[in-house]
Amino acid sequence: MKYIYIYILIFFSTQSCVKNEKIQTESEILKEFIESKNVVFSRYENIIIIPFNGCGECTKKILKYFNTESSKKSLFIISEINRSDLKMLNLKFNKCLFDYDSELVSLGVLENKPLLYKINNEDLVFISKIDNSNVDRIILKI
C-alpha cells in the first residue's frame, strides 16, 4: 500500500510539470510579429532586425546600408526607437517596420545586436547576430 501512495505522488508531481502550451521558437515569434503588421515577408529575401539603441558601430553601418540600392531585397525592423528619433533617420519606410513598444525585446527575440534572418520559402532561418567583427562581411553577402 505504501508503494501505491508513492507511485501516485510521483505520477501527479510529474504531471504538474508538463505544459500543454507549445513553446515557440524565435523565428516563429518573429514571423507572427511581421504578419501582425500586415507585411508579406515573402516579398523579401532577408530580414534585418536593428535595436536602435544597440551596438553602436554595427548599427550605424546597417542603417547606412539601409538606404543603398542593394538593400531592396531586405525588410528592416527597427526596435527600441522613439517616434522622435525617426526625424534624424532618412529611411525609406516601405521596407521598414518599427517596433516602438520593443515587443521583440520583451519576447526574447532581440538583444543589443542586429540580427539577420533569411527567408526560405515560408520559413525564417536565423543566420547571424551582427557585430563589429562581421558587419562588413554580412553587408557584402546580402
Foldseek 3Di string as FASTA:
>chain_A
DVVVVVVVVVVVVVVVVDDPDDDDDLQVVVLVVCVVVVDPLVQAFKEKEAAPPAAPPLNVVVLVLQPDPVCPRYAYEYEPDDPVVVVVRDHDPVRYHYHDVRPSVVVPNDDRFMWMWGCDPNTTHTDDTDHPVCSVVVSVVD
